[in-house]
Amino acid sequence: MRFKVGDLAITQNSRVPALNNGILVVVTDVRPEFETRLGTVDYQIRRLDGQPFPSVRSFDGERRIYERKNCWCRDPQLKKPEDQGLVDETKFQRRRPDNCELAAFDAFERAIQGLTRNPRSTD
């Protein structure tokens, strides 16, 4: 698997690309080829900004519009941030962040704290 819990990723190859592609997410669970009623999935993800996903199909097949903050996806639906050409974090740290970036840092910190407070077993 290319990602592990806590990794950042960018969504791609969505069935609803105009809404779901290009979202910065954090991986919250890894279950390679986890079988569902709708097919297999590999990762559970959450948006880094804490907002719900625009369009998610739940395991019962129902489409959820701006309802779910977590969703499952397959490996090809994520890419590494560096593949998108995002700035190296050491260069980013050298300049003073603006308010939007500070909010993103806060959201990321909360996501990490949530993962460390609620570890999940993947036996």
Protein backbone atom coordinates (compact mmCIF):
# COMPACT_ATOMS: atom_id res chain seq x y z
CA MET A 1 0.00 0.00 0.00
CA ARG A 2 1.22 3.49 -0.80
CA PHE A 3 -0.35 5.17 2.23
CA LYS A 4 -0.48 4.55 5.96
CA VAL A 5 -2.62 6.04 8.72
CA GLY A 6 -1.79 9.73 9.14
CA ASP A 7 -0.49 10.25 5.59
CA LEU A 8 -1.72 13.20 3.56
CA ALA A 9 -3.16 12.51 0.12
CA ILE A 10 -5.05 14.25 -2.68
CA THR A 11 -8.19 12.73 -4.14
CA GLN A 12 -8.35 11.80 -7.83
CA ASN A 13 -10.26 9.54 -10.23
CA SER A 14 -13.61 10.11 -8.51
CA ARG A 15 -16.90 9.14 -10.13
CA VAL A 16 -17.90 12.77 -9.48
CA PRO A 17 -14.65 14.56 -10.39
CA ALA A 18 -15.99 18.11 -10.41
CA LEU A 19 -16.91 17.76 -6.73
CA ASN A 20 -14.45 15.27 -5.28
CA ASN A 21 -11.14 15.46 -7.14
CA GLY A 22 -8.29 17.54 -5.73
CA ILE A 23 -9.32 17.48 -2.06
CA LEU A 24 -6.51 17.32 0.52
CA VAL A 25 -7.25 14.44 2.92
CA VAL A 26 -5.67 12.48 5.74
CA VAL A 27 -5.74 8.67 5.77
CA THR A 28 -7.55 7.47 8.91
CA ASP A 29 -7.68 3.70 8.30
CA VAL A 30 -5.98 1.22 5.98
CA ARG A 31 -7.70 -2.03 5.00
CA PRO A 32 -6.30 -3.37 1.72
CA GLU A 33 -9.05 -4.76 -0.52
CA PHE A 34 -11.74 -4.52 2.18
CA GLU A 35 -14.88 -6.10 0.68
CA THR A 36 -18.09 -4.06 0.69
CA ARG A 37 -21.45 -4.53 -1.01
CA LEU A 38 -20.33 -2.05 -3.67
CA GLY A 39 -16.84 -3.45 -4.26
CA THR A 40 -13.45 -3.28 -2.59
CA VAL A 41 -11.89 -0.30 -0.82
CA ASP A 42 -8.42 0.29 0.62
CA TYR A 43 -8.47 3.47 2.72
CA GLN A 44 -10.76 5.47 4.93
CA ILE A 45 -10.08 9.19 4.53
CA ARG A 46 -11.17 12.49 6.06
CA ARG A 47 -10.83 15.95 4.57
CA LEU A 48 -8.01 17.91 6.16
CA ASP A 49 -10.23 20.98 6.55
CA GLY A 50 -12.80 18.96 8.53
CA GLN A 51 -15.64 19.63 6.09
CA PRO A 52 -17.92 16.85 4.75
CA PHE A 53 -17.22 15.38 1.34
CA PRO A 54 -19.34 16.84 -1.47
CA SER A 55 -20.55 13.48 -2.76
CA VAL A 56 -20.11 10.05 -1.15
CA ARG A 57 -21.83 6.75 -1.89
CA SER A 58 -22.35 4.81 1.35
CA PHE A 59 -22.08 1.02 1.57
CA ASP A 60 -25.87 0.75 1.18
CA GLY A 61 -25.54 2.43 -2.24
CA GLU A 62 -27.19 5.72 -1.24
CA ARG A 63 -25.53 8.95 -2.37
CA ARG A 64 -24.75 11.30 0.52
CA ILE A 65 -24.32 14.96 -0.40
CA TYR A 66 -22.26 17.00 2.07
CA GLU A 67 -23.17 14.57 4.88
CA ARG A 68 -20.12 12.37 5.48
CA LYS A 69 -16.85 13.58 6.98
CA ASN A 70 -15.22 10.16 6.48
CA CYS A 71 -15.37 7.96 3.41
CA TRP A 72 -13.70 4.93 1.91
CA CYS A 73 -11.78 4.86 -1.36
CA ARG A 74 -9.60 2.63 -3.50
CA ASP A 75 -5.85 3.04 -3.91
CA PRO A 76 -6.06 4.61 -7.43
CA GLN A 77 -8.31 7.35 -6.03
CA LEU A 78 -5.46 8.89 -4.00
CA LYS A 79 -2.17 10.43 -4.98
CA LYS A 80 0.78 11.73 -2.99
CA PRO A 81 0.80 15.51 -2.41
CA GLU A 82 4.25 15.78 -3.99
CA ASP A 83 2.77 14.37 -7.22
CA GLN A 84 0.52 17.45 -7.31
CA GLY A 85 3.54 19.76 -7.07
CA LEU A 86 2.80 21.02 -3.57
CA VAL A 87 5.56 23.05 -1.93
CA ASP A 88 8.10 21.14 0.15
CA GLU A 89 7.21 21.59 3.83
CA THR A 90 10.66 22.96 4.76
CA LYS A 91 10.28 25.78 2.22
CA PHE A 92 6.75 26.37 3.47
CA GLN A 93 7.92 26.66 7.09
CA ARG A 94 10.41 29.43 6.22
CA ARG A 95 7.73 31.96 5.38
CA ARG A 96 5.06 33.39 7.65
CA PRO A 97 1.73 31.56 7.15
CA ASP A 98 -1.48 33.49 6.48
CA ASN A 99 -4.79 32.94 8.32
CA CYS A 100 -6.02 30.29 5.86
CA GLU A 101 -2.83 28.29 6.27
CA LEU A 102 -3.01 28.62 10.06
CA ALA A 103 -6.53 27.17 9.97
CA ALA A 104 -5.25 24.26 7.86
CA PHE A 105 -2.43 23.64 10.35
CA ASP A 106 -4.95 23.64 13.21
CA ALA A 107 -7.20 21.17 11.35
CA PHE A 108 -4.24 18.89 10.69
CA GLU A 109 -3.17 19.03 14.33
CA ARG A 110 -6.71 18.15 15.48
CA ALA A 111 -6.76 15.23 13.02
CA ILE A 112 -3.49 13.88 14.40
CA GLN A 113 -4.68 14.28 17.98
CA GLY A 114 -7.91 12.47 17.14
CA LEU A 115 -5.97 9.57 15.65
CA THR A 116 -3.71 9.25 18.68
CA ARG A 117 -6.63 9.43 21.14
CA ASN A 118 -8.74 6.86 19.27
CA PRO A 119 -6.40 4.20 17.86
CA ARG A 120 -8.23 1.51 15.92
CA SER A 121 -7.17 -2.07 15.57
CA THR A 122 -7.03 -3.47 12.03
CA ASP A 123 -6.62 -7.15 13.02
